[in-house]
Amino acid sequence: MASKNPTGSQKETLYKSKVKNVAATKKAAKKTAAGGRAKSSAAGGGRAKNPETAGTRAKSPDTAGTRAKSPAAGGRKVGAASKTSNRAKSPGEAGRRATSPPPPAPIPANEAAPRGQRLPPGRVSGTSQGRATNSATTRRGSFRDKPSSRQGSTEDPIVEEAACPEQTPPPSPDFQVPAEEINLNRMLLRVLDSIKIRKKDISEASMQVNDIMKKISSQLKDLGVTQLNMGSYYEFLKISDVDEFDFMLTMPVARVALETFGKEVAFYHVSLKRNPIKCLRKFVVDETTLSADKMLTDFREKIKKILREFKVDAHVQRKKPGCPAITLSIKNAKGNGKDIEVDIVPGLEVHSSWPSATNEGFKKIDTWLGLKVKRTFKQEPFYLVPKYVGDGDAERNGVLAKDAWRISFSNIEKKILKEHGQTRTCCEAYGVKCCRKECLKLLKYLLERLKEKHPRELSKFSSYFMKTTLLHACAKQPEDTQWSSNNLSQCFLQLLTDLIEYLRLGNLPHFFIPEHNLLETITTPANRMFLVSKLEYEINNMFPIFRAL
């Protein structure tokens, strides 16, 4: 009977077999901890190249594309086929679920995913890879700090990243431009195009007017008169037609004393501190007081005489009470039946410190155009024009109202509108385009159309109110980006809102003299509210007055 005890050779064979099994077990455990996949058919759920291997998806044509069940895998569903090698693992690993696959390698930044191919989770195409890196690292890092939730697995779970989309998501509704605003922009641009004046018309009218003004200036040169070109034409704000021009004929005065005319801070009684020059003596009353009425009357008669001598096809219009201008009507050379009106305003050119009432107004220029620009403006002479309000025969402190003078800022306003930007290159050929002047043109045109429909109620409102509204808005919003040409409709509506507020309050402060209310002595509460109702109607109904164009 053979002995049951193993012989020496048998013991040696058993020992070597145990050593091999232990080595294989340790090697398999080590690869599992490193994130490898089980390659043996004994490991349930592993991938095998043999169709008969339990727990794997078969590669043979008979079994391809089907889900096989294996006794070793306990009926588990098998994953997708793999091209990795099928190194066998120890029998001790049989039935253990395979670990998660390692994350796929990212596509290079300069390589996009093939058209029509769907990226696997975690893969990023093209430039989207850089955007996903930071957020993905944060997500993976937060999970790595936590212990694995899988039993029997020694590796950390890998969180798959969602692929970044190829296209940028649509903008939020908060940043979408409303359709109404787009339509209003188009309408305003169409209006601006319709009121643009042709260069040919500008050239013909300006030549005709300049010819007459040269004759007038040459005849008044002996009086020391200087011609200044003012108004919307020279501010590049003229709209619709070249039918109005503005000039100032100024006479220099040395040292003068200014006293406010009553409570009106914009009107002054002018007295000479030394003997007047010969050309000014005829305008002096009460030994030292310069009479605005005398100077205006004298200039008026001189201009009439010059027109008769040169047989100019023009005439002087009837004098309007309180108006500082001598208005000429020139027959238009185009023969379209509409005369060209030329306003000639006589004035005093004063070389001294600006009145103290202007200090607050000049401060607004600091944050808008800068301190250097303000200093340049204050070094300019200021001008006084023969303008009064109310009854010309009213007397205050021994001076008649018609002899008072009003300070003029036409020269400063012209320079401001020329250099209106906070940056020096605003609206230049290579600079950023703003919409300040366009908004003012639209305001002027809106008022012009309303005055055509309601001349009796709105006759007292002038385009200077619109210019003052714009100057206040520019000082409050000095940055050029706030007046971008893309924001035309918003800026225009904001100016209208400001104007309506001034009209409701009955107070539109003069830009340079804030104490002076432009609306107080010219308009009434009734016609102010009438204009408010018309402006609000236009705003609420998308400007029907513009649609008729």
Protein backbone atom coordinates (compact mmCIF):
# COMPACT_ATOMS: atom_id res chain seq x y z
CA MET A 1 0.00 0.00 0.00
CA ALA A 2 1.53 3.23 -1.04
CA SER A 3 2.44 5.70 1.63
CA LYS A 4 0.21 8.79 1.96
CA ASN A 5 3.11 10.94 3.12
CA PRO A 6 4.65 12.85 0.25
CA THR A 7 8.13 12.08 -0.77
CA GLY A 8 10.93 14.61 -0.88
CA SER A 9 10.50 15.35 -4.57
CA GLN A 10 6.76 15.82 -4.12
CA LYS A 11 7.33 18.25 -1.23
CA GLU A 12 9.71 20.24 -3.36
CA THR A 13 7.17 20.40 -6.22
CA LEU A 14 4.37 21.56 -3.85
CA TYR A 15 6.64 24.19 -2.31
CA LYS A 16 7.58 25.64 -5.70
CA SER A 17 3.91 25.75 -6.73
CA LYS A 18 2.97 27.70 -3.56
CA VAL A 19 5.82 30.15 -4.13
CA LYS A 20 4.65 30.80 -7.69
CA ASN A 21 1.04 31.31 -6.55
CA VAL A 22 2.06 33.76 -3.81
CA ALA A 23 4.26 35.71 -6.25
CA ALA A 24 1.47 35.89 -8.81
CA THR A 25 -1.02 37.05 -6.15
CA LYS A 26 1.29 39.83 -4.93
CA LYS A 27 1.98 40.99 -8.49
CA ALA A 28 -1.74 41.18 -9.32
CA ALA A 29 -2.53 43.11 -6.12
CA LYS A 30 0.26 45.57 -6.90
CA LYS A 31 -1.06 46.27 -10.42
CA THR A 32 -4.62 46.69 -9.10
CA ALA A 33 -3.45 49.34 -6.60
CA ALA A 34 -1.69 51.21 -9.43
CA GLY A 35 -4.92 51.52 -11.43
CA GLY A 36 -4.39 48.68 -13.89
CA ARG A 37 -7.15 46.59 -15.32
CA ALA A 38 -7.65 42.91 -14.64
CA LYS A 39 -6.60 41.02 -17.75
CA SER A 40 -7.20 37.43 -16.71
CA SER A 41 -10.36 35.45 -17.45
CA ALA A 42 -10.39 34.48 -13.79
CA ALA A 43 -10.99 38.16 -12.81
CA GLY A 44 -14.75 38.75 -13.25
CA GLY A 45 -15.59 41.75 -15.49
CA GLY A 46 -12.04 41.73 -16.98
CA ARG A 47 -11.35 42.09 -20.71
CA ALA A 48 -10.17 39.07 -22.67
CA LYS A 49 -9.28 38.36 -26.26
CA ASN A 50 -10.62 34.80 -26.13
CA PRO A 51 -14.35 34.49 -26.92
CA GLU A 52 -14.70 31.67 -24.46
CA THR A 53 -13.26 33.61 -21.53
CA ALA A 54 -15.86 34.10 -18.79
CA GLY A 55 -17.01 37.65 -17.90
CA THR A 56 -15.73 39.35 -21.09
CA ARG A 57 -17.24 40.65 -24.32
CA ALA A 58 -16.39 38.25 -27.12
CA LYS A 59 -14.43 39.46 -30.16
CA SER A 60 -15.46 36.66 -32.49
CA PRO A 61 -18.09 37.40 -35.16
CA ASP A 62 -20.50 35.04 -33.47
CA THR A 63 -20.47 36.89 -30.19
CA ALA A 64 -19.46 40.43 -31.17
CA GLY A 65 -21.84 43.20 -30.11
CA THR A 66 -23.66 40.99 -27.56
CA ARG A 67 -23.54 40.97 -23.81
CA ALA A 68 -22.33 37.57 -22.48
CA LYS A 69 -22.93 36.20 -19.05
CA SER A 70 -20.24 34.22 -17.28
CA PRO A 71 -20.57 31.88 -14.31
CA ALA A 72 -17.43 33.37 -12.87
CA ALA A 73 -18.86 36.88 -13.18
CA GLY A 74 -22.12 35.87 -11.51
CA GLY A 75 -24.25 37.02 -14.44
CA ARG A 76 -22.82 40.56 -14.49
CA LYS A 77 -23.13 42.71 -17.64
CA VAL A 78 -19.85 43.01 -19.42
CA GLY A 79 -18.32 46.38 -20.48
CA ALA A 80 -17.03 47.47 -23.87
CA ALA A 81 -14.22 45.59 -25.62
CA SER A 82 -10.67 46.81 -25.12
CA LYS A 83 -7.41 46.58 -27.06
CA THR A 84 -5.21 46.25 -23.99
CA SER A 85 -3.16 43.14 -23.35
CA ASN A 86 -4.70 40.28 -21.41
CA ARG A 87 -2.09 39.39 -18.87
CA ALA A 88 -3.55 36.78 -16.53
CA LYS A 89 -3.94 37.53 -12.91
CA SER A 90 -4.03 35.17 -9.99
CA PRO A 91 -7.09 33.02 -9.33
CA GLY A 92 -7.57 34.96 -6.09
CA GLU A 93 -8.65 37.96 -8.11
CA ALA A 94 -11.40 36.06 -9.90
CA GLY A 95 -14.87 37.62 -9.50
CA ARG A 96 -13.49 40.95 -8.30
CA ARG A 97 -15.00 43.94 -10.15
CA ALA A 98 -12.55 45.82 -12.32
CA THR A 99 -11.58 49.32 -11.33
CA SER A 100 -12.54 52.44 -13.26
CA PRO A 101 -10.56 53.09 -16.43
CA PRO A 102 -7.86 55.77 -16.38
CA PRO A 103 -8.87 59.20 -17.82
CA PRO A 104 -8.26 59.55 -21.55
CA ALA A 105 -5.39 61.72 -22.72
CA PRO A 106 -6.43 65.31 -23.61
CA ILE A 107 -6.48 66.44 -27.20
CA PRO A 108 -3.63 68.90 -27.91
CA ALA A 109 -4.55 72.59 -27.83
CA ASN A 110 -3.86 72.98 -31.53
CA GLU A 111 -5.86 69.90 -32.51
CA ALA A 112 -9.64 69.98 -32.74
CA ALA A 113 -11.93 67.01 -32.56
CA PRO A 114 -12.81 65.51 -35.96
CA ARG A 115 -16.02 66.92 -37.38
CA GLY A 116 -18.98 64.76 -36.46
CA GLN A 117 -17.06 62.76 -33.84
CA ARG A 118 -18.36 62.86 -30.31
CA LEU A 119 -15.76 63.43 -27.64
CA PRO A 120 -15.69 60.97 -24.72
CA PRO A 121 -16.40 62.43 -21.29
CA GLY A 122 -13.40 64.27 -19.92
CA ARG A 123 -11.87 65.14 -23.29
CA VAL A 124 -11.55 68.75 -24.35
CA SER A 125 -11.12 69.94 -27.91
CA GLY A 126 -9.05 72.85 -29.16
CA THR A 127 -8.94 76.00 -27.09
CA SER A 128 -11.67 74.67 -24.79
CA GLN A 129 -9.01 72.51 -23.12
CA GLY A 130 -7.45 75.46 -21.36
CA ARG A 131 -10.78 76.66 -20.02
CA ALA A 132 -11.60 73.29 -18.50
CA THR A 133 -8.21 72.66 -16.84
CA ASN A 134 -8.63 74.79 -13.75
CA SER A 135 -12.20 73.77 -12.94
CA ALA A 136 -11.43 70.10 -13.61
CA THR A 137 -8.41 70.15 -11.33
CA THR A 138 -10.50 71.64 -8.57
CA ARG A 139 -13.17 69.00 -8.96
CA ARG A 140 -10.72 66.08 -8.99
CA GLY A 141 -8.75 67.48 -6.08
CA SER A 142 -11.81 67.76 -3.88
CA PHE A 143 -12.60 64.07 -4.42
CA ARG A 144 -9.06 62.90 -3.87
CA ASP A 145 -9.12 64.20 -0.34
CA LYS A 146 -11.97 61.80 0.46
CA PRO A 147 -11.57 58.04 0.99
CA SER A 148 -12.81 55.70 -1.74
CA SER A 149 -16.41 54.61 -1.43
CA ARG A 150 -15.72 51.28 -3.15
CA GLN A 151 -15.06 48.22 -1.04
CA GLY A 152 -12.05 46.15 -1.93
CA SER A 153 -10.49 48.84 -4.16
CA THR A 154 -7.29 50.55 -3.16
CA GLU A 155 -7.27 53.30 -5.81
CA ASP A 156 -8.90 56.73 -5.64
CA PRO A 157 -12.05 57.22 -7.66
CA ILE A 158 -11.60 59.23 -10.86
CA VAL A 159 -14.26 61.80 -11.59
CA GLU A 160 -15.01 62.12 -15.28
CA GLU A 161 -15.19 65.68 -16.65
CA ALA A 162 -17.95 66.88 -18.92
CA ALA A 163 -16.66 67.87 -22.31
CA CYS A 164 -16.61 71.64 -22.95
CA PRO A 165 -18.88 72.64 -25.83
CA GLU A 166 -17.34 73.62 -29.12
CA GLN A 167 -19.52 76.75 -29.43
CA THR A 168 -19.88 79.63 -27.00
CA PRO A 169 -23.25 79.54 -25.21
CA PRO A 170 -25.76 82.22 -26.22
CA PRO A 171 -25.54 85.48 -24.22
CA SER A 172 -27.70 86.00 -21.21
CA PRO A 173 -30.97 87.86 -21.85
CA ASP A 174 -29.68 90.62 -19.57
CA PHE A 175 -27.05 91.51 -22.17
CA GLN A 176 -29.27 91.33 -25.24
CA VAL A 177 -30.20 94.62 -26.88
CA PRO A 178 -33.99 95.02 -26.93
CA ALA A 179 -35.61 95.09 -30.33
CA GLU A 180 -37.20 98.46 -29.54
CA GLU A 181 -33.79 99.99 -28.94
CA ILE A 182 -32.42 98.57 -32.18
CA ASN A 183 -35.38 99.99 -34.10
CA LEU A 184 -35.01 103.37 -32.41
CA ASN A 185 -31.30 103.47 -33.26
CA ARG A 186 -32.10 102.82 -36.89
CA MET A 187 -34.76 105.52 -36.90
CA LEU A 188 -32.45 108.11 -35.32
CA LEU A 189 -29.68 107.31 -37.76
CA ARG A 190 -32.15 107.73 -40.61
CA VAL A 191 -33.22 111.10 -39.21
CA LEU A 192 -29.61 112.25 -38.89
CA ASP A 193 -29.01 111.27 -42.48
CA SER A 194 -32.09 113.17 -43.66
CA ILE A 195 -31.13 116.43 -41.89
CA LYS A 196 -27.56 116.33 -43.15
CA ILE A 197 -26.74 119.32 -45.36
CA ARG A 198 -25.10 118.81 -48.71
CA LYS A 199 -21.62 120.30 -49.10
CA LYS A 200 -22.68 122.03 -52.29
CA ASP A 201 -25.47 123.91 -50.49
CA ILE A 202 -23.09 124.85 -47.67
CA SER A 203 -20.55 126.21 -50.10
CA GLU A 204 -23.03 128.30 -52.08
CA ALA A 205 -24.69 129.86 -49.01
CA SER A 206 -21.44 130.56 -47.16
CA MET A 207 -19.90 132.28 -50.18
CA GLN A 208 -22.93 134.53 -50.50
CA VAL A 209 -22.92 135.46 -46.80
CA ASN A 210 -19.15 135.90 -46.52
CA ASP A 211 -19.18 138.34 -49.43
CA ILE A 212 -21.64 140.61 -47.61
CA MET A 213 -19.86 140.32 -44.25
CA LYS A 214 -16.54 141.34 -45.81
CA LYS A 215 -18.14 144.56 -47.05
CA ILE A 216 -19.62 145.31 -43.61
CA SER A 217 -16.44 144.51 -41.66
CA SER A 218 -14.25 146.59 -43.98
CA GLN A 219 -16.45 149.66 -43.48
CA LEU A 220 -16.42 149.29 -39.68
CA LYS A 221 -12.71 148.58 -39.43
CA ASP A 222 -11.94 152.20 -38.50
CA LEU A 223 -13.94 151.69 -35.28
CA GLY A 224 -11.65 148.83 -34.23
CA VAL A 225 -14.34 146.26 -34.91
CA THR A 226 -13.41 142.56 -35.03
CA GLN A 227 -15.61 139.91 -36.63
CA LEU A 228 -16.24 136.63 -34.75
CA ASN A 229 -17.97 133.71 -36.43
CA MET A 230 -20.50 132.16 -34.06
CA GLY A 231 -23.54 129.94 -34.04
CA SER A 232 -24.48 126.44 -35.11
CA TYR A 233 -23.00 126.72 -38.60
CA TYR A 234 -19.50 127.27 -37.23
CA GLU A 235 -20.07 124.73 -34.44
CA PHE A 236 -20.91 122.13 -37.12
CA LEU A 237 -24.39 121.68 -35.67
CA LYS A 238 -26.47 123.12 -38.48
CA ILE A 239 -29.35 120.92 -39.57
CA SER A 240 -31.80 120.67 -42.46
CA ASP A 241 -30.82 123.78 -44.41
CA VAL A 242 -28.15 126.50 -44.52
CA ASP A 243 -30.52 129.36 -43.82
CA GLU A 244 -29.02 131.01 -40.70
CA PHE A 245 -25.62 132.49 -39.86
CA ASP A 246 -24.44 134.25 -36.69
CA PHE A 247 -21.66 136.82 -36.31
CA MET A 248 -20.42 139.08 -33.55
CA LEU A 249 -18.84 142.47 -34.26
CA THR A 250 -16.86 143.40 -31.15
CA MET A 251 -15.14 146.55 -29.96
CA PRO A 252 -12.34 146.27 -27.37
CA VAL A 253 -12.63 148.15 -24.07
CA ALA A 254 -9.83 148.73 -21.59
CA ARG A 255 -10.74 148.69 -17.92
CA VAL A 256 -14.40 148.51 -16.99
CA ALA A 257 -16.40 148.12 -13.79
CA LEU A 258 -19.21 145.58 -13.82
CA GLU A 259 -22.22 145.70 -11.52
CA THR A 260 -25.06 143.22 -11.70
CA PHE A 261 -28.28 144.71 -12.99
CA GLY A 262 -30.58 144.15 -10.02
CA LYS A 263 -30.80 140.46 -9.08
CA GLU A 264 -29.97 139.26 -12.59
CA VAL A 265 -26.50 137.73 -12.26
CA ALA A 266 -26.08 137.37 -16.05
CA PHE A 267 -26.85 141.07 -16.79
CA TYR A 268 -24.50 143.94 -16.01
CA HIS A 269 -24.26 147.66 -15.81
CA VAL A 270 -20.95 148.64 -17.48
CA SER A 271 -18.97 151.70 -16.38
CA LEU A 272 -15.67 152.88 -17.83
CA LYS A 273 -12.82 153.39 -15.32
CA ARG A 274 -10.91 155.80 -17.53
CA ASN A 275 -11.73 158.19 -20.33
CA PRO A 276 -13.26 156.27 -23.22
CA ILE A 277 -11.61 156.08 -26.60
CA LYS A 278 -13.06 158.22 -29.37
CA CYS A 279 -15.15 155.50 -30.98
CA LEU A 280 -16.90 154.73 -27.66
CA ARG A 281 -17.73 158.26 -26.55
CA LYS A 282 -21.00 158.39 -28.48
CA PHE A 283 -22.24 155.37 -26.48
CA VAL A 284 -21.59 156.89 -23.04
CA VAL A 285 -24.41 158.18 -20.84
CA ASP A 286 -24.10 159.72 -17.39
CA GLU A 287 -20.38 160.33 -18.03
CA THR A 288 -19.22 156.72 -17.44
CA THR A 289 -22.06 154.33 -18.28
CA LEU A 290 -21.81 152.52 -21.61
CA SER A 291 -25.28 152.29 -23.15
CA ALA A 292 -26.09 149.01 -24.89
CA ASP A 293 -29.09 150.57 -26.59
CA LYS A 294 -27.04 153.42 -28.11
CA MET A 295 -24.42 151.01 -29.47
CA LEU A 296 -27.04 148.68 -30.97
CA THR A 297 -28.88 151.58 -32.63
CA ASP A 298 -25.65 153.05 -34.05
CA PHE A 299 -24.53 149.71 -35.54
CA ARG A 300 -27.96 149.17 -37.02
CA GLU A 301 -27.88 152.47 -38.91
CA LYS A 302 -24.34 151.88 -40.13
CA ILE A 303 -25.19 148.44 -41.53
CA LYS A 304 -28.24 149.83 -43.35
CA LYS A 305 -26.04 152.47 -44.96
CA ILE A 306 -23.45 149.90 -46.07
CA LEU A 307 -26.10 147.72 -47.72
CA ARG A 308 -27.43 150.72 -49.67
CA GLU A 309 -23.97 151.80 -50.80
CA PHE A 310 -22.98 148.37 -52.10
CA LYS A 311 -26.45 147.69 -53.50
CA VAL A 312 -26.59 144.36 -51.75
CA ASP A 313 -29.70 142.29 -52.37
CA ALA A 314 -30.56 142.23 -48.65
CA HIS A 315 -32.51 144.21 -46.11
CA VAL A 316 -32.51 144.73 -42.34
CA GLN A 317 -35.46 143.20 -40.51
CA ARG A 318 -37.57 145.11 -38.04
CA LYS A 319 -36.10 145.46 -34.57
CA LYS A 320 -37.38 143.03 -31.96
CA PRO A 321 -37.60 144.21 -28.32
CA GLY A 322 -34.81 142.78 -26.20
CA CYS A 323 -33.10 141.12 -29.17
CA PRO A 324 -29.36 141.87 -29.33
CA ALA A 325 -29.04 141.02 -33.03
CA ILE A 326 -29.34 143.05 -36.22
CA THR A 327 -30.99 140.55 -38.56
CA LEU A 328 -30.37 140.68 -42.31
CA SER A 329 -32.53 138.88 -44.87
CA ILE A 330 -30.49 137.90 -47.92
CA LYS A 331 -32.15 136.60 -51.04
CA ASN A 332 -30.98 133.05 -51.63
CA ALA A 333 -28.99 132.69 -54.83
CA LYS A 334 -30.57 129.25 -55.38
CA GLY A 335 -33.91 130.95 -55.93
CA ASN A 336 -35.84 128.44 -53.80
CA GLY A 337 -37.87 131.21 -52.22
CA LYS A 338 -36.33 130.93 -48.72
CA ASP A 339 -34.14 133.83 -47.60
CA ILE A 340 -30.93 133.44 -45.65
CA GLU A 341 -31.01 135.14 -42.26
CA VAL A 342 -27.84 136.63 -40.83
CA ASP A 343 -27.75 137.74 -37.17
CA ILE A 344 -25.11 140.39 -36.47
CA VAL A 345 -24.60 141.10 -32.76
CA PRO A 346 -22.48 144.08 -31.64
CA GLY A 347 -20.52 143.49 -28.46
CA LEU A 348 -17.78 144.58 -26.08
CA GLU A 349 -14.55 142.60 -25.83
CA VAL A 350 -13.45 142.81 -22.19
CA HIS A 351 -9.88 141.91 -21.20
CA SER A 352 -10.15 141.42 -17.46
CA SER A 353 -11.03 138.78 -14.90
CA TRP A 354 -14.23 136.87 -15.51
CA PRO A 355 -17.15 137.80 -13.22
CA SER A 356 -17.24 135.84 -9.96
CA ALA A 357 -20.66 134.42 -10.86
CA THR A 358 -18.92 132.20 -13.46
CA ASN A 359 -16.60 130.42 -11.00
CA GLU A 360 -18.98 127.55 -10.23
CA GLY A 361 -19.73 127.02 -13.89
CA PHE A 362 -16.07 126.79 -14.88
CA LYS A 363 -15.47 124.19 -12.17
CA LYS A 364 -17.61 121.73 -14.14
CA ILE A 365 -14.97 121.71 -16.86
CA ASP A 366 -12.33 120.30 -14.46
CA THR A 367 -13.52 116.70 -14.54
CA TRP A 368 -14.75 116.86 -18.11
CA LEU A 369 -12.11 118.60 -20.22
CA GLY A 370 -9.43 119.09 -17.56
CA LEU A 371 -7.75 121.88 -15.62
CA LYS A 372 -5.48 122.94 -18.48
CA VAL A 373 -8.42 123.49 -20.80
CA LYS A 374 -10.25 125.48 -18.12
CA ARG A 375 -7.22 127.73 -17.58
CA THR A 376 -7.03 128.34 -21.32
CA PHE A 377 -10.69 129.34 -21.38
CA LYS A 378 -10.34 131.71 -18.46
CA GLN A 379 -7.44 133.45 -20.18
CA GLU A 380 -9.75 134.31 -23.06
CA PRO A 381 -11.54 137.69 -23.07
CA PHE A 382 -15.23 137.64 -22.33
CA TYR A 383 -17.92 139.43 -24.29
CA LEU A 384 -20.91 141.59 -23.39
CA VAL A 385 -23.86 141.95 -25.77
CA PRO A 386 -26.77 144.47 -25.71
CA LYS A 387 -29.46 142.22 -24.28
CA TYR A 388 -32.12 142.97 -21.69
CA VAL A 389 -35.18 141.21 -20.28
CA GLY A 390 -38.60 142.69 -19.64
CA ASP A 391 -39.40 146.38 -19.98
CA GLY A 392 -36.53 148.30 -21.53
CA ASP A 393 -37.53 151.50 -19.72
CA ALA A 394 -37.45 149.86 -16.29
CA GLU A 395 -34.85 151.58 -14.12
CA ARG A 396 -32.59 149.99 -11.50
CA ASN A 397 -29.96 151.96 -9.63
CA GLY A 398 -30.31 154.80 -12.10
CA VAL A 399 -29.72 152.58 -15.16
CA LEU A 400 -32.37 151.66 -17.72
CA ALA A 401 -32.84 148.00 -18.61
CA LYS A 402 -32.19 148.70 -22.29
CA ASP A 403 -28.74 150.04 -21.39
CA ALA A 404 -27.75 146.82 -19.61
CA TRP A 405 -25.44 144.18 -21.07
CA ARG A 406 -25.55 140.41 -20.89
CA ILE A 407 -22.42 138.31 -20.68
CA SER A 408 -21.91 135.99 -23.67
CA PHE A 409 -20.15 132.63 -23.71
CA SER A 410 -20.42 132.05 -27.47
CA ASN A 411 -16.65 131.88 -27.97
CA ILE A 412 -16.17 129.39 -25.09
CA GLU A 413 -19.14 127.24 -26.12
CA LYS A 414 -17.81 127.07 -29.67
CA LYS A 415 -14.46 125.76 -28.42
CA ILE A 416 -16.10 123.30 -26.02
CA LEU A 417 -18.19 121.79 -28.80
CA LYS A 418 -15.10 121.57 -30.97
CA GLU A 419 -13.05 119.84 -28.26
CA HIS A 420 -15.95 118.08 -26.59
CA GLY A 421 -14.23 114.81 -25.72
CA GLN A 422 -12.40 113.89 -22.55
CA THR A 423 -9.68 112.44 -24.80
CA ARG A 424 -8.12 114.72 -27.37
CA THR A 425 -8.75 112.24 -30.19
CA CYS A 426 -12.50 111.98 -29.67
CA CYS A 427 -14.30 112.05 -33.04
CA GLU A 428 -11.05 112.56 -34.93
CA ALA A 429 -10.14 110.45 -37.95
CA TYR A 430 -8.41 107.74 -35.89
CA GLY A 431 -10.20 108.36 -32.59
CA VAL A 432 -13.31 106.94 -30.96
CA LYS A 433 -16.57 108.33 -32.29
CA CYS A 434 -19.04 109.72 -29.76
CA CYS A 435 -22.66 110.79 -30.19
CA ARG A 436 -22.71 114.12 -28.30
CA LYS A 437 -23.22 116.31 -31.35
CA GLU A 438 -25.61 113.84 -32.95
CA CYS A 439 -27.80 113.95 -29.84
CA LEU A 440 -27.84 117.75 -29.91
CA LYS A 441 -28.81 117.75 -33.59
CA LEU A 442 -31.69 115.39 -32.83
CA LEU A 443 -32.86 117.56 -29.92
CA LYS A 444 -32.78 120.68 -32.08
CA TYR A 445 -34.63 118.96 -34.90
CA LEU A 446 -37.29 117.60 -32.53
CA LEU A 447 -37.91 121.08 -31.11
CA GLU A 448 -37.98 122.54 -34.62
CA ARG A 449 -40.63 120.08 -35.77
CA LEU A 450 -42.74 120.65 -32.64
CA LYS A 451 -42.54 124.43 -33.09
CA GLU A 452 -43.75 124.03 -36.68
CA LYS A 453 -46.83 122.18 -35.42
CA HIS A 454 -47.42 124.40 -32.36
CA PRO A 455 -45.90 127.84 -33.11
CA ARG A 456 -48.02 129.79 -30.66
CA GLU A 457 -47.36 127.61 -27.62
CA LEU A 458 -43.64 126.94 -28.26
CA SER A 459 -42.39 130.18 -29.80
CA LYS A 460 -40.42 131.12 -26.67
CA PHE A 461 -38.29 127.95 -26.65
CA SER A 462 -34.93 128.19 -28.38
CA SER A 463 -32.25 125.72 -29.41
CA TYR A 464 -30.00 127.23 -26.73
CA PHE A 465 -32.04 125.31 -24.14
CA MET A 466 -31.06 122.09 -25.93
CA LYS A 467 -27.39 123.05 -26.00
CA THR A 468 -27.44 123.87 -22.28
CA THR A 469 -29.07 120.49 -21.52
CA LEU A 470 -26.27 118.75 -23.40
CA LEU A 471 -23.52 120.71 -21.60
CA HIS A 472 -24.95 119.75 -18.21
CA ALA A 473 -25.14 116.09 -19.24
CA CYS A 474 -21.56 116.09 -20.54
CA ALA A 475 -20.29 117.49 -17.24
CA LYS A 476 -22.19 114.80 -15.30
CA GLN A 477 -21.04 112.01 -17.64
CA PRO A 478 -17.60 113.14 -18.82
CA GLU A 479 -16.20 109.85 -20.13
CA ASP A 480 -16.24 109.31 -23.88
CA THR A 481 -17.33 105.69 -23.45
CA GLN A 482 -20.58 106.95 -21.92
CA TRP A 483 -21.29 108.70 -25.22
CA SER A 484 -20.33 105.87 -27.55
CA SER A 485 -21.95 106.08 -30.98
CA ASN A 486 -23.45 102.65 -30.26
CA ASN A 487 -25.45 104.22 -27.40
CA LEU A 488 -27.13 106.87 -29.55
CA SER A 489 -30.71 106.00 -28.59
CA GLN A 490 -29.89 105.67 -24.87
CA CYS A 491 -28.06 109.03 -24.77
CA PHE A 492 -30.81 110.77 -26.73
CA LEU A 493 -33.50 109.45 -24.39
CA GLN A 494 -31.43 110.45 -21.36
CA LEU A 495 -31.13 114.02 -22.66
CA LEU A 496 -34.87 114.15 -23.24
CA THR A 497 -35.44 112.88 -19.70
CA ASP A 498 -33.15 115.60 -18.35
CA LEU A 499 -34.91 118.29 -20.39
CA ILE A 500 -38.33 117.16 -19.17
CA GLU A 501 -37.08 117.30 -15.57
CA TYR A 502 -35.81 120.88 -16.07
CA LEU A 503 -39.14 121.88 -17.58
CA ARG A 504 -41.13 120.30 -14.73
CA LEU A 505 -39.02 122.10 -12.15
CA GLY A 506 -39.18 125.32 -14.15
CA ASN A 507 -35.44 125.73 -13.70
CA LEU A 508 -32.78 125.24 -16.38
CA PRO A 509 -29.55 126.63 -14.87
CA HIS A 510 -27.16 128.41 -17.20
CA PHE A 511 -24.11 126.18 -17.61
CA PHE A 512 -21.55 128.86 -16.69
CA ILE A 513 -23.77 130.84 -14.30
CA PRO A 514 -25.78 128.23 -12.34
CA GLU A 515 -27.66 130.95 -10.44
CA HIS A 516 -29.22 132.18 -13.66
CA ASN A 517 -32.41 130.30 -14.64
CA LEU A 518 -32.88 130.38 -18.40
CA LEU A 519 -36.58 129.49 -18.15
CA GLU A 520 -37.68 131.96 -15.53
CA THR A 521 -38.19 135.18 -17.48
CA ILE A 522 -38.85 133.71 -20.94
CA THR A 523 -41.32 130.87 -20.48
CA THR A 524 -44.46 130.29 -18.43
CA PRO A 525 -45.60 127.21 -16.48
CA ALA A 526 -48.36 126.64 -19.04
CA ASN A 527 -46.13 126.47 -22.12
CA ARG A 528 -43.48 124.49 -20.22
CA MET A 529 -45.99 121.77 -19.34
CA PHE A 530 -47.32 121.87 -22.89
CA LEU A 531 -43.83 121.04 -24.18
CA VAL A 532 -43.48 118.32 -21.54
CA SER A 533 -46.69 116.65 -22.73
CA LYS A 534 -45.52 116.72 -26.35
CA LEU A 535 -42.11 115.30 -25.51
CA GLU A 536 -43.59 112.50 -23.40
CA TYR A 537 -46.03 111.65 -26.17
CA GLU A 538 -43.16 111.33 -28.65
CA ILE A 539 -41.14 109.12 -26.27
CA ASN A 540 -44.05 106.83 -25.41
CA ASN A 541 -45.02 106.36 -29.07
CA MET A 542 -41.56 105.85 -30.56
CA PHE A 543 -41.37 109.36 -32.06
CA PRO A 544 -44.15 109.46 -34.66
CA ILE A 545 -42.93 112.95 -35.62
CA PHE A 546 -39.78 111.31 -37.01
CA ARG A 547 -41.62 108.57 -38.89
CA ALA A 548 -43.18 111.10 -41.24
CA LEU A 549 -39.77 111.66 -42.82
